[in-house]
C-alpha atoms as a PDB file:
ATOM      1  CA  MET A   1      87.427  73.579 169.160  1.00  0.00           C
ATOM      2  CA  GLY A   2      84.043  73.678 167.384  1.00  0.00           C
ATOM      3  CA  VAL A   3      82.605  76.267 165.079  1.00  0.00           C
ATOM      4  CA  MET A   4      80.932  78.048 167.979  1.00  0.00           C
ATOM      5  CA  GLY A   5      84.374  78.810 169.402  1.00  0.00           C
ATOM      6  CA  LEU A   6      85.556  80.563 166.278  1.00  0.00           C
ATOM      7  CA  SER A   7      85.232  84.221 165.411  1.00  0.00           C
ATOM      8  CA  ASP A   8      83.302  85.187 162.305  1.00  0.00           C
ATOM      9  CA  LEU A   9      85.629  84.236 159.454  1.00  0.00           C
ATOM     10  CA  SER A  10      83.503  85.701 156.637  1.00  0.00           C
ATOM     11  CA  SER A  11      86.296  88.042 155.558  1.00  0.00           C
ATOM     12  CA  ALA A  12      88.679  85.083 155.218  1.00  0.00           C
ATOM     13  CA  LEU A  13      86.252  82.995 153.165  1.00  0.00           C
ATOM     14  CA  ASN A  14      86.106  83.220 149.408  1.00  0.00           C
ATOM     15  CA  PHE A  15      82.529  84.409 149.049  1.00  0.00           C
ATOM     16  CA  PRO A  16      81.565  84.714 145.374  1.00  0.00           C
ATOM     17  CA  THR A  17      80.698  88.043 143.819  1.00  0.00           C
ATOM     18  CA  VAL A  18      77.187  88.771 142.617  1.00  0.00           C
ATOM     19  CA  ASP A  19      76.344  90.419 139.301  1.00  0.00           C
ATOM     20  CA  VAL A  20      73.751  92.871 140.599  1.00  0.00           C
ATOM     21  CA  ARG A  21      72.797  93.839 137.049  1.00  0.00           C
ATOM     22  CA  ARG A  22      70.883  90.546 136.925  1.00  0.00           C
ATOM     23  CA  LEU A  23      68.876  91.504 140.013  1.00  0.00           C
ATOM     24  CA  LEU A  24      68.226  95.251 139.870  1.00  0.00           C
ATOM     25  CA  THR A  25      65.269  97.104 138.416  1.00  0.00           C
ATOM     26  CA  PRO A  26      66.572  99.696 135.914  1.00  0.00           C
ATOM     27  CA  TRP A  27      65.438 103.269 136.345  1.00  0.00           C
ATOM     28  CA  GLU A  28      63.262 103.226 133.234  1.00  0.00           C
ATOM     29  CA  LYS A  29      61.188 100.368 134.681  1.00  0.00           C
ATOM     30  CA  CYS A  30      60.812 101.865 138.151  1.00  0.00           C
ATOM     31  CA  THR A  31      57.729 103.482 139.602  1.00  0.00           C
ATOM     32  CA  SER A  32      59.285 106.859 140.340  1.00  0.00           C
ATOM     33  CA  VAL A  33      58.353 110.244 141.773  1.00  0.00           C
ATOM     34  CA  THR A  34      59.527 113.783 141.106  1.00  0.00           C
ATOM     35  CA  THR A  35      59.894 116.731 143.420  1.00  0.00           C
ATOM     36  CA  GLY A  36      56.807 118.829 143.991  1.00  0.00           C
ATOM     37  CA  PRO A  37      53.279 117.715 144.885  1.00  0.00           C
ATOM     38  CA  VAL A  38      53.129 113.936 145.342  1.00  0.00           C
ATOM     39  CA  ASP A  39      51.363 112.194 142.471  1.00  0.00           C
ATOM     40  CA  GLU A  40      48.713 110.148 144.259  1.00  0.00           C
ATOM     41  CA  THR A  41      48.366 107.871 141.232  1.00  0.00           C
ATOM     42  CA  VAL A  42      52.012 106.892 141.602  1.00  0.00           C
ATOM     43  CA  LEU A  43      51.525 106.387 145.326  1.00  0.00           C
ATOM     44  CA  GLN A  44      48.531 104.126 144.694  1.00  0.00           C
ATOM     45  CA  THR A  45      50.601 102.100 142.235  1.00  0.00           C
ATOM     46  CA  MET A  46      53.228 101.615 144.943  1.00  0.00           C
ATOM     47  CA  ILE A  47      50.526 100.463 147.356  1.00  0.00           C
ATOM     48  CA  ASP A  48      48.933  98.097 144.826  1.00  0.00           C
ATOM     49  CA  ARG A  49      52.285  96.541 143.888  1.00  0.00           C
ATOM     50  CA  ASP A  50      53.618  96.569 147.449  1.00  0.00           C
ATOM     51  CA  TYR A  51      56.617  98.765 146.607  1.00  0.00           C
ATOM     52  CA  ASP A  52      58.304 100.136 149.721  1.00  0.00           C
ATOM     53  CA  PHE A  53      60.650 102.603 147.979  1.00  0.00           C
ATOM     54  CA  ALA A  54      60.728 104.720 144.839  1.00  0.00           C
ATOM     55  CA  PRO A  55      63.479 106.733 143.184  1.00  0.00           C
ATOM     56  CA  VAL A  56      63.142 110.506 143.362  1.00  0.00           C
ATOM     57  CA  PHE A  57      64.104 112.637 140.341  1.00  0.00           C
ATOM     58  CA  SER A  58      64.398 116.393 140.030  1.00  0.00           C
ATOM     59  CA  GLY A  59      63.151 116.207 136.436  1.00  0.00           C
ATOM     60  CA  GLU A  60      62.744 113.479 133.848  1.00  0.00           C
ATOM     61  CA  PRO A  61      63.660 110.021 135.178  1.00  0.00           C
ATOM     62  CA  SER A  62      67.329 109.680 134.326  1.00  0.00           C
ATOM     63  CA  PRO A  63      70.439 109.057 136.455  1.00  0.00           C
ATOM     64  CA  LYS A  64      71.613 112.656 136.038  1.00  0.00           C
ATOM     65  CA  ASN A  65      68.445 113.867 137.779  1.00  0.00           C
ATOM     66  CA  LEU A  66      68.430 111.258 140.545  1.00  0.00           C
ATOM     67  CA  LEU A  67      68.176 112.600 144.097  1.00  0.00           C
ATOM     68  CA  GLY A  68      67.879 109.284 145.949  1.00  0.00           C
ATOM     69  CA  LEU A  69      65.173 106.936 147.216  1.00  0.00           C
ATOM     70  CA  VAL A  70      62.085 107.740 149.255  1.00  0.00           C
ATOM     71  CA  SER A  71      59.881 105.368 151.216  1.00  0.00           C
ATOM     72  CA  ARG A  72      56.212 104.833 150.526  1.00  0.00           C
ATOM     73  CA  ALA A  73      55.528 105.664 154.176  1.00  0.00           C
ATOM     74  CA  ARG A  74      57.074 109.115 153.679  1.00  0.00           C
ATOM     75  CA  LEU A  75      55.028 109.748 150.535  1.00  0.00           C
ATOM     76  CA  GLU A  76      51.860 108.760 152.372  1.00  0.00           C
ATOM     77  CA  GLU A  77      52.752 111.197 155.137  1.00  0.00           C
ATOM     78  CA  LEU A  78      53.317 114.015 152.635  1.00  0.00           C
ATOM     79  CA  VAL A  79      49.950 113.358 150.975  1.00  0.00           C
ATOM     80  CA  LYS A  80      48.219 113.310 154.339  1.00  0.00           C
ATOM     81  CA  GLN A  81      49.780 116.648 155.312  1.00  0.00           C
ATOM     82  CA  ASN A  82      49.357 118.084 151.791  1.00  0.00           C
ATOM     83  CA  TRP A  83      53.068 118.845 151.622  1.00  0.00           C
ATOM     84  CA  PRO A  84      55.269 118.683 148.516  1.00  0.00           C
ATOM     85  CA  LEU A  85      58.301 116.457 148.198  1.00  0.00           C
ATOM     86  CA  THR A  86      61.380 118.686 148.147  1.00  0.00           C
ATOM     87  CA  ALA A  87      64.934 117.947 147.024  1.00  0.00           C
ATOM     88  CA  GLY A  88      66.123 118.552 150.571  1.00  0.00           C
ATOM     89  CA  ASP A  89      63.659 116.194 152.230  1.00  0.00           C
ATOM     90  CA  PRO A  90      65.626 114.443 154.998  1.00  0.00           C
ATOM     91  CA  ALA A  91      63.772 111.193 154.254  1.00  0.00           C
ATOM     92  CA  ILE A  92      65.454 110.855 150.845  1.00  0.00           C
ATOM     93  CA  GLN A  93      68.063 108.103 151.149  1.00  0.00           C
ATOM     94  CA  LYS A  94      71.222 107.573 149.120  1.00  0.00           C
ATOM     95  CA  HIS A  95      72.337 104.110 150.253  1.00  0.00           C
ATOM     96  CA  GLU A  96      74.386 102.423 147.540  1.00  0.00           C
ATOM     97  CA  VAL A  97      75.627  99.022 146.459  1.00  0.00           C
ATOM     98  CA  ASP A  98      78.306  98.200 143.902  1.00  0.00           C
ATOM     99  CA  LEU A  99      77.704  96.366 140.638  1.00  0.00           C
ATOM    100  CA  TYR A 100      79.728  93.321 141.731  1.00  0.00           C
ATOM    101  CA  PRO A 101      79.667  93.049 145.530  1.00  0.00           C
ATOM    102  CA  ARG A 102      80.770  89.983 147.437  1.00  0.00           C
ATOM    103  CA  LEU A 103      77.737  87.944 148.450  1.00  0.00           C
ATOM    104  CA  ASP A 104      78.321  88.322 152.181  1.00  0.00           C
ATOM    105  CA  LEU A 105      78.789  92.092 151.855  1.00  0.00           C
ATOM    106  CA  LEU A 106      75.646  92.353 149.740  1.00  0.00           C
ATOM    107  CA  LEU A 107      73.632  90.522 152.386  1.00  0.00           C
ATOM    108  CA  GLU A 108      75.093  92.743 155.106  1.00  0.00           C
ATOM    109  CA  ALA A 109      74.172  95.860 153.122  1.00  0.00           C
ATOM    110  CA  MET A 110      70.595  94.735 152.474  1.00  0.00           C
ATOM    111  CA  ALA A 111      70.172  93.740 156.125  1.00  0.00           C
ATOM    112  CA  GLU A 112      71.226  97.263 157.095  1.00  0.00           C
ATOM    113  CA  PHE A 113      68.912  99.002 154.615  1.00  0.00           C
ATOM    114  CA  PRO A 114      66.527  97.193 152.227  1.00  0.00           C
ATOM    115  CA  ALA A 115      66.770  99.494 149.183  1.00  0.00           C
ATOM    116  CA  ARG A 116      69.963 100.489 147.401  1.00  0.00           C
ATOM    117  CA  ILE A 117      71.075 102.582 144.438  1.00  0.00           C
ATOM    118  CA  VAL A 118      73.287 100.437 142.217  1.00  0.00           C
ATOM    119  CA  THR A 119      76.400 102.391 141.250  1.00  0.00           C
ATOM    120  CA  LYS A 120      79.590 101.634 139.362  1.00  0.00           C
ATOM    121  CA  GLU A 121      81.614 103.321 142.097  1.00  0.00           C
ATOM    122  CA  ARG A 122      80.888 104.915 145.451  1.00  0.00           C
ATOM    123  CA  GLY A 123      79.233 108.338 145.364  1.00  0.00           C
ATOM    124  CA  ALA A 124      78.403 108.188 141.659  1.00  0.00           C
ATOM    125  CA  ILE A 125      74.608 108.118 141.921  1.00  0.00           C
ATOM    126  CA  HIS A 126      74.341 110.215 138.756  1.00  0.00           C
ATOM    127  CA  GLU A 127      75.976 107.326 136.879  1.00  0.00           C
ATOM    128  CA  SER A 128      73.813 104.658 138.463  1.00  0.00           C
ATOM    129  CA  TYR A 129      71.971 101.740 136.914  1.00  0.00           C
ATOM    130  CA  GLY A 130      68.822 101.197 138.957  1.00  0.00           C
ATOM    131  CA  ILE A 131      67.393 100.219 142.318  1.00  0.00           C
ATOM    132  CA  LEU A 132      68.005  97.005 144.234  1.00  0.00           C
ATOM    133  CA  THR A 133      65.465  96.070 146.898  1.00  0.00           C
ATOM    134  CA  LEU A 134      65.202  93.200 149.321  1.00  0.00           C
ATOM    135  CA  SER A 135      62.573  91.543 147.146  1.00  0.00           C
ATOM    136  CA  ASP A 136      65.029  91.522 144.214  1.00  0.00           C
ATOM    137  CA  LEU A 137      67.234  89.116 146.175  1.00  0.00           C
ATOM    138  CA  ASN A 138      64.578  86.457 145.598  1.00  0.00           C
ATOM    139  CA  LYS A 139      65.308  86.404 141.867  1.00  0.00           C
ATOM    140  CA  HIS A 140      66.731  83.285 140.289  1.00  0.00           C
ATOM    141  CA  ALA A 141      70.162  84.780 139.589  1.00  0.00           C
ATOM    142  CA  LEU A 142      70.992  84.967 143.298  1.00  0.00           C
ATOM    143  CA  ARG A 143      69.703  81.448 143.941  1.00  0.00           C
ATOM    144  CA  VAL A 144      72.175  80.150 141.358  1.00  0.00           C
ATOM    145  CA  VAL A 145      75.082  81.709 143.249  1.00  0.00           C
ATOM    146  CA  ILE A 146      73.869  80.264 146.556  1.00  0.00           C
ATOM    147  CA  TYR A 147      73.214  76.837 145.063  1.00  0.00           C
ATOM    148  CA  GLU A 148      76.810  76.584 143.833  1.00  0.00           C
ATOM    149  CA  ILE A 149      78.029  77.072 147.411  1.00  0.00           C
ATOM    150  CA  LEU A 150      75.675  74.404 148.729  1.00  0.00           C
ATOM    151  CA  ALA A 151      76.417  71.993 145.875  1.00  0.00           C
ATOM    152  CA  GLU A 152      80.148  72.183 146.578  1.00  0.00           C
ATOM    153  CA  PHE A 153      79.499  71.567 150.262  1.00  0.00           C
ATOM    154  CA  GLU A 154      77.294  68.561 149.548  1.00  0.00           C
ATOM    155  CA  MET A 155      79.900  67.060 147.206  1.00  0.00           C
ATOM    156  CA  VAL A 156      82.762  67.276 149.708  1.00  0.00           C
ATOM    157  CA  LEU A 157      80.461  65.983 152.451  1.00  0.00           C
ATOM    158  CA  ALA A 158      79.755  62.921 150.317  1.00  0.00           C
ATOM    159  CA  GLU A 159      83.514  62.475 149.821  1.00  0.00           C
ATOM    160  CA  LEU A 160      83.965  62.521 153.583  1.00  0.00           C
ATOM    161  CA  VAL A 161      81.294  59.848 154.047  1.00  0.00           C
ATOM    162  CA  ARG A 162      83.012  57.694 151.405  1.00  0.00           C
ATOM    163  CA  ALA A 163      86.387  58.211 153.070  1.00  0.00           C
ATOM    164  CA  THR A 164      84.942  57.314 156.466  1.00  0.00           C
ATOM    165  CA  TRP A 165      82.908  54.230 155.521  1.00  0.00           C
ATOM    166  CA  GLY A 166      83.854  53.278 151.963  1.00  0.00           C
ATOM    167  CA  ASP A 167      81.071  51.083 150.607  1.00  0.00           C
ATOM    168  CA  ALA A 168      80.084  49.885 154.074  1.00  0.00           C
ATOM    169  CA  ILE A 169      76.467  50.544 154.932  1.00  0.00           C
ATOM    170  CA  ASP A 170      76.871  51.034 158.677  1.00  0.00           C
ATOM    171  CA  TRP A 171      75.895  54.690 158.402  1.00  0.00           C
ATOM    172  CA  VAL A 172      72.883  53.815 156.240  1.00  0.00           C
ATOM    173  CA  ARG A 173      71.623  51.369 158.873  1.00  0.00           C
ATOM    174  CA  ARG A 174      71.384  54.244 161.349  1.00  0.00           C
ATOM    175  CA  LEU A 175      68.811  56.038 159.193  1.00  0.00           C
ATOM    176  CA  PRO A 176      65.021  55.504 159.224  1.00  0.00           C
ATOM    177  CA  GLU A 177      63.876  52.406 157.348  1.00  0.00           C
ATOM    178  CA  ASP A 178      62.340  54.311 154.448  1.00  0.00           C
ATOM    179  CA  ALA A 179      65.626  56.160 153.903  1.00  0.00           C
ATOM    180  CA  GLN A 180      67.547  52.867 154.058  1.00  0.00           C
ATOM    181  CA  ALA A 181      65.266  51.333 151.443  1.00  0.00           C
ATOM    182  CA  ARG A 182      65.624  54.309 149.107  1.00  0.00           C
ATOM    183  CA  ILE A 183      69.414  54.587 149.401  1.00  0.00           C
ATOM    184  CA  LEU A 184      70.147  50.870 149.136  1.00  0.00           C
ATOM    185  CA  GLY A 185      67.578  50.430 146.374  1.00  0.00           C
ATOM    186  CA  TYR A 186      69.134  53.239 144.349  1.00  0.00           C
ATOM    187  CA  TRP A 187      72.586  51.740 144.871  1.00  0.00           C
ATOM    188  CA  TYR A 188      71.408  48.278 143.822  1.00  0.00           C
ATOM    189  CA  ILE A 189      69.730  49.541 140.652  1.00  0.00           C
ATOM    190  CA  SER A 190      72.805  51.605 139.776  1.00  0.00           C
ATOM    191  CA  LYS A 191      74.994  48.514 140.050  1.00  0.00           C
ATOM    192  CA  LEU A 192      72.608  46.588 137.791  1.00  0.00           C
ATOM    193  CA  ASP A 193      73.061  49.388 135.269  1.00  0.00           C
ATOM    194  CA  GLY A 194      76.830  49.006 135.519  1.00  0.00           C
ATOM    195  CA  VAL A 195      77.435  52.120 137.623  1.00  0.00           C
ATOM    196  CA  ASP A 196      78.678  51.567 141.170  1.00  0.00           C
ATOM    197  CA  THR A 197      79.182  54.876 142.932  1.00  0.00           C
ATOM    198  CA  GLY A 198      78.441  53.588 146.429  1.00  0.00           C
ATOM    199  CA  PRO A 199      75.470  54.286 148.680  1.00  0.00           C
ATOM    200  CA  VAL A 200      76.168  58.015 149.087  1.00  0.00           C
ATOM    201  CA  THR A 201      74.679  58.859 145.690  1.00  0.00           C
ATOM    202  CA  GLY A 202      71.214  58.004 146.940  1.00  0.00           C
ATOM    203  CA  ALA A 203      71.472  60.073 150.106  1.00  0.00           C
ATOM    204  CA  THR A 204      70.057  63.520 150.726  1.00  0.00           C
ATOM    205  CA  LEU A 205      72.004  66.345 152.328  1.00  0.00           C
ATOM    206  CA  SER A 206      70.190  65.717 155.615  1.00  0.00           C
ATOM    207  CA  GLU A 207      71.231  62.058 155.559  1.00  0.00           C
ATOM    208  CA  LEU A 208      74.867  62.840 154.774  1.00  0.00           C
ATOM    209  CA  LEU A 209      74.938  65.327 157.640  1.00  0.00           C
ATOM    210  CA  ARG A 210      73.406  62.753 159.944  1.00  0.00           C
ATOM    211  CA  ALA A 211      76.014  60.186 158.888  1.00  0.00           C
ATOM    212  CA  VAL A 212      78.931  62.487 159.714  1.00  0.00           C
ATOM    213  CA  GLY A 213      77.266  63.616 162.923  1.00  0.00           C
ATOM    214  CA  SER A 214      76.914  60.012 164.076  1.00  0.00           C
ATOM    215  CA  ASN A 215      80.646  59.320 163.734  1.00  0.00           C
ATOM    216  CA  ARG A 216      82.757  60.676 166.571  1.00  0.00           C
ATOM    217  CA  GLU A 217      86.043  60.482 164.675  1.00  0.00           C
ATOM    218  CA  ALA A 218      84.654  62.297 161.634  1.00  0.00           C
ATOM    219  CA  ARG A 219      83.167  65.019 163.831  1.00  0.00           C
ATOM    220  CA  GLN A 220      86.393  65.529 165.736  1.00  0.00           C
ATOM    221  CA  ARG A 221      88.411  65.783 162.519  1.00  0.00           C
ATOM    222  CA  LEU A 222      86.232  68.750 161.665  1.00  0.00           C
ATOM    223  CA  GLY A 223      86.618  70.318 165.104  1.00  0.00           C
ATOM    224  CA  PHE A 224      83.287  69.429 166.702  1.00  0.00           C
ATOM    225  CA  ARG A 225      83.254  68.253 170.290  1.00  0.00           C
ATOM    226  CA  SER A 226      79.782  66.734 170.318  1.00  0.00           C
ATOM    227  CA  ARG A 227      76.879  65.580 168.198  1.00  0.00           C
ATOM    228  CA  ASN A 228      74.763  68.401 169.583  1.00  0.00           C
ATOM    229  CA  GLU A 229      77.298  70.979 168.446  1.00  0.00           C
ATOM    230  CA  TRP A 230      77.358  69.453 164.961  1.00  0.00           C
ATOM    231  CA  ASP A 231      73.569  69.391 164.719  1.00  0.00           C
ATOM    232  CA  GLU A 232      73.285  72.952 166.015  1.00  0.00           C
ATOM    233  CA  GLN A 233      75.650  74.288 163.364  1.00  0.00           C
ATOM    234  CA  THR A 234      74.436  72.272 160.373  1.00  0.00           C
ATOM    235  CA  GLY A 235      70.756  71.772 161.148  1.00  0.00           C
ATOM    236  CA  ARG A 236      69.509  74.670 159.009  1.00  0.00           C
ATOM    237  CA  LEU A 237      71.491  73.808 155.869  1.00  0.00           C
ATOM    238  CA  PRO A 238      69.021  71.243 154.445  1.00  0.00           C
ATOM    239  CA  GLN A 239      66.202  73.758 154.903  1.00  0.00           C
ATOM    240  CA  LEU A 240      68.258  76.377 153.079  1.00  0.00           C
ATOM    241  CA  ARG A 241      68.931  73.985 150.206  1.00  0.00           C
ATOM    242  CA  ASN A 242      65.220  73.228 149.927  1.00  0.00           C
ATOM    243  CA  ARG A 243      64.341  76.922 149.871  1.00  0.00           C
ATOM    244  CA  VAL A 244      66.906  77.595 147.163  1.00  0.00           C
ATOM    245  CA  MET A 245      65.586  74.721 145.054  1.00  0.00           C
ATOM    246  CA  HIS A 246      61.974  76.026 145.159  1.00  0.00           C
ATOM    247  CA  PRO A 247      62.192  79.287 143.180  1.00  0.00           C
ATOM    248  CA  VAL A 248      58.520  80.176 143.607  1.00  0.00           C
ATOM    249  CA  ARG A 249      58.980  80.411 147.377  1.00  0.00           C
ATOM    250  CA  PRO A 250      60.540  83.593 148.795  1.00  0.00           C
ATOM    251  CA  LEU A 251      64.087  83.122 150.007  1.00  0.00           C
ATOM    252  CA  LEU A 252      64.352  86.413 151.881  1.00  0.00           C
ATOM    253  CA  LEU A 253      61.531  88.370 153.468  1.00  0.00           C
ATOM    254  CA  ASN A 254      63.276  90.774 155.856  1.00  0.00           C
ATOM    255  CA  SER A 255      66.629  92.005 157.130  1.00  0.00           C
ATOM    256  CA  ASP A 256      66.892  89.185 159.661  1.00  0.00           C
ATOM    257  CA  ASP A 257      66.642  86.685 156.812  1.00  0.00           C
ATOM    258  CA  CYS A 258      69.642  88.366 155.139  1.00  0.00           C
ATOM    259  CA  SER A 259      71.740  88.025 158.284  1.00  0.00           C
ATOM    260  CA  GLN A 260      70.629  84.432 158.790  1.00  0.00           C
ATOM    261  CA  LEU A 261      71.426  83.507 155.190  1.00  0.00           C
ATOM    262  CA  LYS A 262      74.898  84.999 155.492  1.00  0.00           C
ATOM    263  CA  ASN A 263      75.551  82.934 158.625  1.00  0.00           C
ATOM    264  CA  GLU A 264      74.238  79.738 157.027  1.00  0.00           C
ATOM    265  CA  LEU A 265      76.444  80.209 153.969  1.00  0.00           C
ATOM    266  CA  ARG A 266      79.431  80.970 156.191  1.00  0.00           C
ATOM    267  CA  VAL A 267      78.911  77.643 157.964  1.00  0.00           C
ATOM    268  CA  ALA A 268      78.651  75.771 154.653  1.00  0.00           C
ATOM    269  CA  MET A 269      81.793  77.402 153.247  1.00  0.00           C
ATOM    270  CA  GLU A 270      83.800  77.002 156.442  1.00  0.00           C
ATOM    271  CA  LEU A 271      82.853  73.323 156.641  1.00  0.00           C
ATOM    272  CA  THR A 272      83.758  72.859 152.977  1.00  0.00           C
ATOM    273  CA  GLN A 273      87.244  74.148 153.770  1.00  0.00           C
ATOM    274  CA  ARG A 274      87.545  71.968 156.864  1.00  0.00           C
ATOM    275  CA  ILE A 275      86.420  68.821 155.034  1.00  0.00           C
ATOM    276  CA  ARG A 276      88.846  69.430 152.155  1.00  0.00           C
ATOM    277  CA  SER A 277      91.636  69.908 154.680  1.00  0.00           C
ATOM    278  CA  ALA A 278      90.646  66.727 156.546  1.00  0.00           C
ATOM    279  CA  LEU A 279      90.523  64.693 153.327  1.00  0.00           C
ATOM    280  CA  SER A 280      93.937  65.898 152.199  1.00  0.00           C
ATOM    281  CA  SER A 281      95.674  65.218 155.515  1.00  0.00           C
END
């Protein structure tokens, strides 16, 4: 049975926790609003900096005075209608996230609502640390966590290729000529330098995936019935790795990206488990 035939096993996978303190914006650095007439200067700052949400305080900006988060769209509406922002405004949100959530649960939460109050424990918004928004998930600290998952997957995938072919180059010969030249050239130079780690060390993630996908026995050991099924499940992983490795490019732009990232990481982690099991059997 292939991956498509399995239920979502995210809860059974050992997703790492994320230190949200390394991602959040602390209250003292936030562009915030207070109850009463909306400060149009603050609203313009939100527009200029493309901030979608701001914390609302009933007095000076401190956790003890925090009421929740309000959207820029709501503030614009209040200014247009010449209405004040009140403590009971139904648009004030109190969505939370813990300090150390599991990565999959964090992505689920941000897909559900893109701005969260970071609290030590549920319901304790008056002992909170700051705001976490969808854009904060593009910070380097989260990329490090994701990269570790992908690096582990790539390492066990290389082990599987070694176990399947050894130092034979049959799988290399199935790649485009430029890839063959690069992989075999790297291997040859490494041997001249006294280091012989086999041809896999010169291969990219895409090429390792293609090697496993081209071998029926290797695919079946991992539970895939066809090459198409393998390609369908793993095809996005090289793109994810490239996005993670280019920190100036946004990793997540919207809630759909959060859901997609969670699914891609689930595939990588599930396959890591399957490969380890196949290698140990």
